[in-house]
Amino acid sequence: MTGDAGEHGAPIAARAAATWVARRLRDAGHRALFAGGCVRDQLLGLEPADYDVATDALPDQVRAVFPRAIGVGESFGVMLVRHGGRTVEVATFRADGSYADGRRPDGVRFSDDREDALRRDFTINGLFEDPETGAVIDHVGGRADLDARILRAIGDPDARLAEDRLRALRAVRFAARFALAVDPATEAAVRRVAHDLRAVSRERVGHELRRMLAHPSRARAVSLVESMGLVPAILSGPAPPPETRARPSVVAALPAGAPFEEALAAWMIDRSAGGAIPVSEVRGRVNAWRRALSLSNDETEALRAALELRAVIPSRWPAGDRAARKRLAAAPGFGAARALLAAEGHPVAEAVARDLPALVAEGVAPRPFVDGDDLVAAGLAPGPRFKAILDALYDRQLNLEFPDRDHALRALAAPGGPLGEGARDR
């Protein structure tokens, strides 16, 4: 493909890449418009992450214009075109057939921009823009709904949500992210389809929840999930009684940039009757949510570590010496546990914030002065004592009892030390 500037340098602007693709299609005699989210975002004053192009060109005609285009769903009319270090999705205008599996159409009929708009989920996503003139083409009333800050399904809400049941969660995400009120008819349809979400793959549910909780609008998203009765389907559990539904106070108090695992832990705390989750219950609850949301091993471990540390810091930090606090500060999940405690307004969060700078300046996880090889060289045989000896020496190091390695090694043979008692393992 010619004209692919930026392929070996910084990518060109997303809009510039899509405009080039649209112009090439137009030069070949086809209609080409920007479609969906990029038009919505621009009208909201946001910078689109990417631009999709919708066209009346059939897949073979798209390939005739762009010989290196990649078909990722040619039966649905979807092709990918590279230009300027960007990938632009090019989709043929279409009308969808029936949705037997509640996820994707059984077949499509290539059509025009009006029918293409009518098959989409919400009016705010059914907009087109002429790349040349900037004129917005609106067949579904999406622009008026954006102006009125309303999220509304296109056409019959029950039909739109039945086509892809995950749209119930997408409704929550869009309403939260763009601060939109949900149209009453659309909200009622979401409530009716909530039970059917149980049949949606756990991977798709988990992916949608990640997108909600990783965004600063996460508190409103959680509130909508709770109020619309979506929790049982998301978490594969029974519906909570109305009086115990979570108020996302901890979720709401997190920093805007909090990662998904931290936000998920905050939601778990908000959903716990007593607030804090006892350390003995953490692993079981995390495993249940792992299955419900198809969490990765890394996500599961991060969630578990954050919740377990959050459970023990309130008692161990005030009672611990310098070494105990440094071990806590060096443990995986400490940052997330701190954020959770601060979001809860727990008094220990202030103590940690006060004590931590000095501990960090000293080094919370320095390399140990003494290791297993040193114990063997000193005459100790490997065995159960090793860990206890090394832990004790490392705690003394963390407590600044040893200024250097030589002092730590001398402590091995000092009176009362592991070798000073004359008790060598032979």
Protein backbone atom coordinates (compact mmCIF):
# COMPACT_ATOMS: atom_id res chain seq x y z
CA MET A 1 0.00 0.00 0.00
CA THR A 2 1.39 3.39 -0.91
CA GLY A 3 1.26 6.50 1.22
CA ASP A 4 1.79 4.62 4.50
CA ALA A 5 3.83 7.38 6.11
CA GLY A 6 4.54 6.91 9.79
CA GLU A 7 4.84 3.14 9.56
CA HIS A 8 8.46 3.32 10.76
CA GLY A 9 8.08 6.38 12.98
CA ALA A 10 5.48 7.92 15.26
CA PRO A 11 1.91 7.14 14.15
CA ILE A 12 0.01 9.95 12.49
CA ALA A 13 -3.15 11.31 14.14
CA ALA A 14 -6.02 8.82 14.28
CA ARG A 15 -8.35 11.19 12.44
CA ALA A 16 -5.78 11.83 9.71
CA ALA A 17 -5.38 8.09 9.09
CA ALA A 18 -9.14 7.53 8.89
CA THR A 19 -9.61 10.59 6.66
CA TRP A 20 -7.02 9.22 4.24
CA VAL A 21 -8.82 5.85 4.14
CA ALA A 22 -12.20 7.53 3.57
CA ARG A 23 -10.78 9.75 0.80
CA ARG A 24 -9.32 6.74 -1.02
CA LEU A 25 -12.70 5.02 -0.91
CA ARG A 26 -14.44 8.16 -2.17
CA ASP A 27 -11.92 8.54 -4.98
CA ALA A 28 -12.85 5.00 -6.01
CA GLY A 29 -16.53 6.01 -6.23
CA HIS A 30 -17.75 4.79 -2.83
CA ARG A 31 -19.46 6.50 0.09
CA ALA A 32 -17.38 6.62 3.27
CA LEU A 33 -18.31 8.10 6.67
CA PHE A 34 -16.91 8.16 10.17
CA ALA A 35 -19.15 6.00 12.35
CA GLY A 36 -20.15 5.38 15.95
CA GLY A 37 -18.06 6.22 18.97
CA CYS A 38 -15.68 8.66 17.32
CA VAL A 39 -18.61 10.87 16.24
CA ARG A 40 -20.15 10.64 19.72
CA ASP A 41 -16.89 11.53 21.44
CA GLN A 42 -16.28 14.57 19.24
CA LEU A 43 -19.76 15.91 19.95
CA LEU A 44 -19.05 15.48 23.66
CA GLY A 45 -15.81 17.43 23.32
CA LEU A 46 -13.64 14.34 23.85
CA GLU A 47 -10.68 13.17 21.77
CA PRO A 48 -11.54 9.84 20.09
CA ALA A 49 -8.98 7.09 20.58
CA ASP A 50 -9.67 5.84 17.06
CA TYR A 51 -11.94 6.43 14.09
CA ASP A 52 -14.01 3.77 12.33
CA VAL A 53 -15.08 4.14 8.71
CA ALA A 54 -18.41 2.86 7.38
CA THR A 55 -18.85 2.53 3.64
CA ASP A 56 -21.08 1.21 0.89
CA ALA A 57 -18.05 -0.58 -0.59
CA LEU A 58 -18.32 -4.38 -0.30
CA PRO A 59 -15.38 -6.27 1.21
CA ASP A 60 -13.98 -7.21 -2.20
CA GLN A 61 -14.25 -3.58 -3.27
CA VAL A 62 -12.46 -2.46 -0.12
CA ARG A 63 -9.67 -4.91 -0.92
CA ALA A 64 -9.53 -3.60 -4.48
CA VAL A 65 -8.76 -0.15 -3.06
CA PHE A 66 -6.48 -1.48 -0.29
CA PRO A 67 -4.85 -4.72 -1.48
CA ARG A 68 -3.20 -5.29 1.91
CA ALA A 69 -6.43 -4.92 3.88
CA ILE A 70 -7.05 -7.72 6.37
CA GLY A 71 -10.47 -9.30 6.67
CA VAL A 72 -11.39 -9.85 10.34
CA GLY A 73 -15.07 -10.48 9.72
CA GLU A 74 -15.64 -10.36 5.98
CA SER A 75 -18.99 -12.11 6.27
CA PHE A 76 -20.01 -9.12 8.41
CA GLY A 77 -18.23 -6.68 6.11
CA VAL A 78 -15.37 -5.77 8.45
CA MET A 79 -11.85 -5.09 7.16
CA LEU A 80 -8.73 -3.54 8.70
CA VAL A 81 -6.63 -1.06 6.76
CA ARG A 82 -3.18 0.15 7.86
CA HIS A 83 -2.01 3.68 7.21
CA GLY A 84 0.47 5.96 8.93
CA GLY A 85 1.15 3.53 11.74
CA ARG A 86 -2.59 3.27 12.48
CA THR A 87 -5.14 0.53 11.93
CA VAL A 88 -8.50 1.77 10.67
CA GLU A 89 -11.57 -0.47 10.82
CA VAL A 90 -13.61 -0.29 7.63
CA ALA A 91 -17.10 -1.82 7.73
CA THR A 92 -19.67 -2.12 4.98
CA PHE A 93 -23.08 -0.61 5.75
CA ARG A 94 -25.32 -3.49 6.76
CA ALA A 95 -28.62 -4.62 8.25
CA ASP A 96 -28.46 -7.52 10.71
CA GLY A 97 -30.53 -10.68 10.66
CA SER A 98 -31.82 -12.50 13.73
CA TYR A 99 -29.62 -13.12 16.81
CA ALA A 100 -30.20 -16.73 17.77
CA ASP A 101 -27.27 -16.87 20.20
CA GLY A 102 -27.93 -13.53 21.91
CA ARG A 103 -24.53 -12.23 20.83
CA ARG A 104 -24.09 -11.89 17.06
CA PRO A 105 -26.41 -11.90 14.03
CA ASP A 106 -26.97 -15.16 12.18
CA GLY A 107 -26.44 -13.26 8.95
CA VAL A 108 -26.24 -9.76 7.50
CA ARG A 109 -27.48 -7.92 4.43
CA PHE A 110 -25.28 -5.17 3.05
CA SER A 111 -27.26 -1.99 2.91
CA ASP A 112 -27.02 1.79 3.39
CA ASP A 113 -26.10 4.15 6.23
CA ARG A 114 -29.68 4.47 7.49
CA GLU A 115 -30.16 0.75 8.01
CA ASP A 116 -26.66 0.53 9.42
CA ALA A 117 -27.59 3.10 12.06
CA LEU A 118 -30.83 1.30 12.94
CA ARG A 119 -29.01 -1.96 13.75
CA ARG A 120 -26.75 -0.35 16.37
CA ASP A 121 -27.30 -0.39 20.14
CA PHE A 122 -27.86 3.15 21.46
CA THR A 123 -28.75 6.38 19.71
CA ILE A 124 -25.51 8.05 20.81
CA ASN A 125 -23.60 5.31 18.93
CA GLY A 126 -25.72 5.50 15.77
CA LEU A 127 -24.23 8.73 14.40
CA PHE A 128 -22.16 9.29 11.26
CA GLU A 129 -19.94 12.16 10.16
CA ASP A 130 -18.88 13.23 6.71
CA PRO A 131 -15.06 13.35 6.92
CA GLU A 132 -14.84 16.05 4.28
CA THR A 133 -17.42 18.52 5.57
CA GLY A 134 -17.76 17.54 9.22
CA ALA A 135 -21.55 17.30 8.81
CA VAL A 136 -23.21 14.92 11.27
CA ILE A 137 -25.67 12.43 9.79
CA ASP A 138 -28.25 11.37 12.36
CA HIS A 139 -30.96 8.81 11.52
CA VAL A 140 -31.80 7.87 15.12
CA GLY A 141 -32.01 11.05 17.19
CA GLY A 142 -28.61 10.51 18.78
CA ARG A 143 -27.57 14.13 18.66
CA ALA A 144 -30.70 15.28 20.50
CA ASP A 145 -30.14 12.59 23.12
CA LEU A 146 -26.54 13.73 23.61
CA ASP A 147 -27.72 17.30 24.04
CA ALA A 148 -30.33 16.11 26.58
CA ARG A 149 -27.77 13.79 28.26
CA ILE A 150 -29.91 10.70 27.74
CA LEU A 151 -28.90 7.13 26.94
CA ARG A 152 -31.61 5.53 24.80
CA ALA A 153 -31.74 2.26 22.90
CA ILE A 154 -32.37 2.52 19.17
CA GLY A 155 -35.89 1.37 18.34
CA ASP A 156 -37.39 -1.28 20.62
CA PRO A 157 -35.18 -1.52 23.75
CA ASP A 158 -36.14 -5.14 24.42
CA ALA A 159 -35.22 -6.12 20.87
CA ARG A 160 -31.89 -4.29 21.03
CA LEU A 161 -30.90 -5.92 24.31
CA ALA A 162 -32.13 -9.36 23.25
CA GLU A 163 -29.84 -9.20 20.22
CA ASP A 164 -26.80 -8.97 22.49
CA ARG A 165 -27.47 -9.31 26.19
CA LEU A 166 -24.14 -7.74 27.06
CA ARG A 167 -25.69 -4.46 25.93
CA ALA A 168 -27.25 -4.28 29.39
CA LEU A 169 -23.78 -3.76 30.84
CA ARG A 170 -22.76 -1.49 27.98
CA ALA A 171 -25.74 0.70 28.87
CA VAL A 172 -24.36 1.06 32.39
CA ARG A 173 -20.85 1.82 31.14
CA PHE A 174 -21.97 4.49 28.67
CA ALA A 175 -24.36 6.11 31.13
CA ALA A 176 -21.65 6.26 33.80
CA ARG A 177 -18.79 7.33 31.55
CA PHE A 178 -20.67 10.12 29.81
CA ALA A 179 -22.85 11.18 32.76
CA LEU A 180 -26.10 10.30 30.99
CA ALA A 181 -29.51 9.55 32.46
CA VAL A 182 -30.89 6.22 31.26
CA ASP A 183 -34.13 6.52 29.32
CA PRO A 184 -36.89 4.86 31.43
CA ALA A 185 -37.89 2.42 28.68
CA THR A 186 -34.27 1.42 28.18
CA GLU A 187 -33.74 0.99 31.93
CA ALA A 188 -36.83 -1.19 32.17
CA ALA A 189 -35.49 -3.37 29.34
CA VAL A 190 -32.14 -3.67 31.14
CA ARG A 191 -33.94 -4.90 34.25
CA ARG A 192 -35.90 -7.43 32.21
CA VAL A 193 -32.81 -8.82 30.51
CA ALA A 194 -30.70 -8.90 33.69
CA HIS A 195 -31.45 -12.55 34.39
CA ASP A 196 -30.41 -13.54 30.87
CA LEU A 197 -26.94 -12.12 31.46
CA ARG A 198 -26.14 -15.35 33.29
CA ALA A 199 -25.95 -17.03 29.89
CA VAL A 200 -23.32 -14.57 28.64
CA SER A 201 -19.77 -15.88 28.76
CA ARG A 202 -17.88 -15.01 31.92
CA GLU A 203 -15.04 -13.63 29.79
CA ARG A 204 -17.32 -11.04 28.14
CA VAL A 205 -18.89 -10.03 31.45
CA GLY A 206 -15.48 -9.69 33.07
CA HIS A 207 -14.15 -7.62 30.17
CA GLU A 208 -17.06 -5.20 30.40
CA LEU A 209 -16.68 -4.86 34.16
CA ARG A 210 -12.96 -4.14 33.74
CA ARG A 211 -13.81 -1.25 31.45
CA MET A 212 -16.26 0.12 34.00
CA LEU A 213 -14.04 -0.17 37.06
CA ALA A 214 -10.85 1.06 35.40
CA HIS A 215 -12.53 4.39 34.55
CA PRO A 216 -12.95 7.36 36.97
CA SER A 217 -16.74 7.05 36.56
CA ARG A 218 -16.60 3.68 38.34
CA ALA A 219 -18.71 4.74 41.34
CA ARG A 220 -21.70 5.65 39.19
CA ALA A 221 -21.26 2.46 37.19
CA VAL A 222 -21.35 0.40 40.39
CA SER A 223 -24.42 2.31 41.61
CA LEU A 224 -26.23 1.59 38.33
CA VAL A 225 -25.22 -2.08 38.39
CA GLU A 226 -26.60 -2.37 41.91
CA SER A 227 -29.80 -0.37 41.34
CA MET A 228 -30.68 -2.09 38.06
CA GLY A 229 -30.46 -5.56 39.57
CA LEU A 230 -27.45 -6.70 37.53
CA VAL A 231 -25.32 -7.96 40.43
CA PRO A 232 -26.61 -11.57 40.55
CA ALA A 233 -25.89 -12.08 36.85
CA ILE A 234 -22.48 -10.43 37.05
CA LEU A 235 -21.33 -12.28 40.16
CA SER A 236 -23.26 -15.51 39.55
CA GLY A 237 -24.89 -15.30 42.96
CA PRO A 238 -28.26 -14.60 44.56
CA ALA A 239 -29.69 -11.09 44.63
CA PRO A 240 -29.02 -9.25 47.90
CA PRO A 241 -31.97 -7.93 49.89
CA PRO A 242 -32.72 -4.27 49.03
CA GLU A 243 -31.57 -3.02 52.43
CA THR A 244 -28.10 -4.59 52.03
CA ARG A 245 -27.30 -3.46 48.51
CA ALA A 246 -23.89 -1.83 48.35
CA ARG A 247 -23.39 1.89 48.43
CA PRO A 248 -20.10 2.42 46.60
CA SER A 249 -18.52 4.66 49.24
CA VAL A 250 -15.09 3.01 49.10
CA VAL A 251 -15.21 2.78 45.30
CA ALA A 252 -16.14 6.47 45.13
CA ALA A 253 -13.24 7.52 47.36
CA LEU A 254 -10.53 5.83 45.27
CA PRO A 255 -8.15 7.99 43.24
CA ALA A 256 -9.28 8.54 39.64
CA GLY A 257 -6.41 6.48 38.28
CA ALA A 258 -6.98 3.44 40.51
CA PRO A 259 -6.35 0.17 38.61
CA PHE A 260 -9.06 -2.41 38.02
CA GLU A 261 -7.95 -4.82 40.78
CA GLU A 262 -7.97 -2.04 43.36
CA ALA A 263 -11.43 -0.90 42.29
CA LEU A 264 -12.70 -4.48 42.35
CA ALA A 265 -11.35 -4.90 45.89
CA ALA A 266 -13.11 -1.68 46.91
CA TRP A 267 -16.39 -2.99 45.49
CA MET A 268 -15.94 -6.23 47.42
CA ILE A 269 -15.48 -4.21 50.62
CA ASP A 270 -18.55 -2.09 49.82
CA ARG A 271 -20.52 -5.31 49.33
CA SER A 272 -19.33 -6.83 52.60
CA ALA A 273 -21.84 -6.47 55.42
CA GLY A 274 -19.16 -5.51 57.94
CA GLY A 275 -17.05 -3.47 55.57
CA ALA A 276 -13.67 -5.11 56.11
CA ILE A 277 -13.33 -8.70 54.89
CA PRO A 278 -11.68 -11.00 57.47
CA VAL A 279 -8.41 -12.43 56.22
CA SER A 280 -9.78 -15.95 56.71
CA GLU A 281 -12.54 -15.24 54.18
CA VAL A 282 -10.50 -13.44 51.55
CA ARG A 283 -9.32 -16.42 49.52
CA GLY A 284 -12.81 -17.96 49.25
CA ARG A 285 -14.44 -14.71 48.17
CA VAL A 286 -11.70 -13.91 45.68
CA ASN A 287 -11.99 -17.37 44.11
CA ALA A 288 -15.75 -16.94 43.73
CA TRP A 289 -15.30 -13.59 41.98
CA ARG A 290 -12.52 -15.06 39.88
CA ARG A 291 -14.87 -17.66 38.47
CA ALA A 292 -17.69 -15.15 37.96
CA LEU A 293 -15.51 -12.63 36.11
CA SER A 294 -12.93 -14.93 34.52
CA LEU A 295 -10.08 -13.11 36.26
CA SER A 296 -6.53 -13.86 35.18
CA ASN A 297 -4.01 -15.39 37.57
CA ASP A 298 -2.28 -12.02 37.97
CA GLU A 299 -5.57 -10.22 38.65
CA THR A 300 -6.59 -12.85 41.17
CA GLU A 301 -3.29 -12.68 43.01
CA ALA A 302 -3.33 -8.86 43.08
CA LEU A 303 -6.89 -8.87 44.43
CA ARG A 304 -6.10 -11.46 47.09
CA ALA A 305 -2.91 -9.71 48.21
CA ALA A 306 -4.61 -6.32 48.49
CA LEU A 307 -7.52 -7.65 50.55
CA GLU A 308 -5.36 -9.78 52.85
CA LEU A 309 -3.01 -6.89 53.60
CA ARG A 310 -5.94 -4.53 54.08
CA ALA A 311 -7.24 -6.99 56.70
CA VAL A 312 -4.00 -7.21 58.71
CA ILE A 313 -2.46 -3.73 58.48
CA PRO A 314 -4.85 -2.16 61.05
CA SER A 315 -3.59 -4.50 63.79
CA ARG A 316 -0.01 -5.20 62.69
CA TRP A 317 1.14 -1.72 61.76
CA PRO A 318 0.49 -0.03 65.13
CA ALA A 319 1.85 -3.02 67.08
CA GLY A 320 4.83 -3.76 64.83
CA ASP A 321 8.42 -2.65 65.14
CA ARG A 322 10.43 -1.14 62.29
CA ALA A 323 11.09 -4.57 60.75
CA ALA A 324 7.44 -5.63 60.84
CA ARG A 325 6.36 -2.40 59.17
CA LYS A 326 9.01 -2.70 56.49
CA ARG A 327 7.92 -6.26 55.73
CA LEU A 328 4.35 -5.06 55.32
CA ALA A 329 5.44 -2.17 53.12
CA ALA A 330 7.46 -4.52 50.90
CA ALA A 331 4.67 -7.07 50.49
CA PRO A 332 2.77 -7.39 47.18
CA GLY A 333 -0.50 -5.49 47.37
CA PHE A 334 0.66 -2.95 49.94
CA GLY A 335 -0.02 0.06 47.72
CA ALA A 336 -3.53 -1.15 46.94
CA ALA A 337 -4.19 -1.98 50.61
CA ARG A 338 -3.10 1.54 51.59
CA ALA A 339 -5.42 3.04 48.98
CA LEU A 340 -8.33 0.94 50.26
CA LEU A 341 -7.73 1.96 53.88
CA ALA A 342 -7.47 5.61 52.88
CA ALA A 343 -10.67 5.34 50.84
CA GLU A 344 -12.43 3.85 53.86
CA GLY A 345 -11.19 6.69 56.06
CA HIS A 346 -9.52 4.17 58.39
CA PRO A 347 -7.35 5.92 61.03
CA VAL A 348 -4.42 3.56 60.41
CA ALA A 349 -4.07 5.05 56.92
CA GLU A 350 -2.85 8.28 58.50
CA ALA A 351 -0.35 6.41 60.64
CA VAL A 352 1.02 4.56 57.61
CA ALA A 353 1.31 7.81 55.66
CA ARG A 354 3.18 9.40 58.57
CA ASP A 355 5.60 6.51 59.16
CA LEU A 356 6.29 5.35 55.62
CA PRO A 357 8.62 8.09 54.28
CA ALA A 358 11.27 7.40 56.93
CA LEU A 359 11.03 3.64 56.36
CA VAL A 360 11.39 4.08 52.61
CA ALA A 361 14.41 6.32 53.13
CA GLU A 362 16.05 3.54 55.15
CA GLY A 363 15.04 0.90 52.60
CA VAL A 364 12.00 -1.34 53.10
CA ALA A 365 13.42 -4.34 51.24
CA PRO A 366 17.24 -4.18 51.18
CA ARG A 367 19.24 -7.16 50.04
CA PRO A 368 19.85 -9.45 53.05
CA PHE A 369 23.34 -9.26 54.52
CA VAL A 370 23.23 -13.01 55.27
CA ASP A 371 21.91 -15.78 53.03
CA GLY A 372 21.77 -19.56 53.04
CA ASP A 373 25.25 -19.92 51.59
CA ASP A 374 26.62 -17.97 54.54
CA LEU A 375 24.93 -20.36 56.97
CA VAL A 376 26.39 -23.38 55.18
CA ALA A 377 29.85 -21.76 55.18
CA ALA A 378 29.45 -21.18 58.91
CA GLY A 379 28.88 -24.90 59.46
CA LEU A 380 25.09 -25.18 59.57
CA ALA A 381 23.47 -27.97 57.57
CA PRO A 382 20.43 -26.99 55.50
CA GLY A 383 17.22 -27.75 57.35
CA PRO A 384 14.14 -26.31 59.03
CA ARG A 385 16.28 -23.96 61.15
CA PHE A 386 17.50 -22.06 58.11
CA LYS A 387 14.39 -19.99 57.55
CA ALA A 388 14.01 -19.06 61.22
CA ILE A 389 17.66 -18.00 61.45
CA LEU A 390 17.58 -16.00 58.21
CA ASP A 391 14.29 -14.34 59.17
CA ALA A 392 15.64 -13.35 62.58
CA LEU A 393 18.84 -11.93 61.08
CA TYR A 394 16.92 -10.05 58.41
CA ASP A 395 14.57 -8.55 61.00
CA ARG A 396 17.59 -7.29 62.93
CA GLN A 397 18.96 -5.85 59.70
CA LEU A 398 15.63 -4.10 59.00
CA ASN A 399 15.70 -2.76 62.56
CA LEU A 400 19.10 -1.20 61.76
CA GLU A 401 20.99 -3.34 64.28
CA PHE A 402 23.62 -4.22 61.65
CA PRO A 403 25.38 -1.38 59.84
CA ASP A 404 26.89 -3.81 57.32
CA ARG A 405 27.36 -7.45 56.32
CA ASP A 406 30.38 -8.01 58.60
CA HIS A 407 28.36 -7.13 61.68
CA ALA A 408 25.58 -9.49 60.57
CA LEU A 409 28.02 -12.36 60.07
CA ARG A 410 29.59 -11.76 63.47
CA ALA A 411 26.14 -12.01 65.00
CA LEU A 412 26.03 -15.65 63.90
CA ALA A 413 28.77 -16.56 66.35
CA ALA A 414 27.94 -14.06 69.04
CA PRO A 415 26.81 -15.32 72.46
CA GLY A 416 23.18 -16.26 72.16
CA GLY A 417 23.46 -16.43 68.36
CA PRO A 418 22.87 -19.54 66.20
CA LEU A 419 26.56 -20.55 66.44
CA GLY A 420 27.42 -18.95 69.72
CA GLU A 421 25.52 -21.68 71.54
CA GLY A 422 27.84 -24.30 70.06
CA ALA A 423 24.86 -25.99 68.46
CA ARG A 424 26.09 -26.73 64.94
CA ASP A 425 24.24 -29.13 62.72
CA ARG A 426 26.63 -31.87 61.53
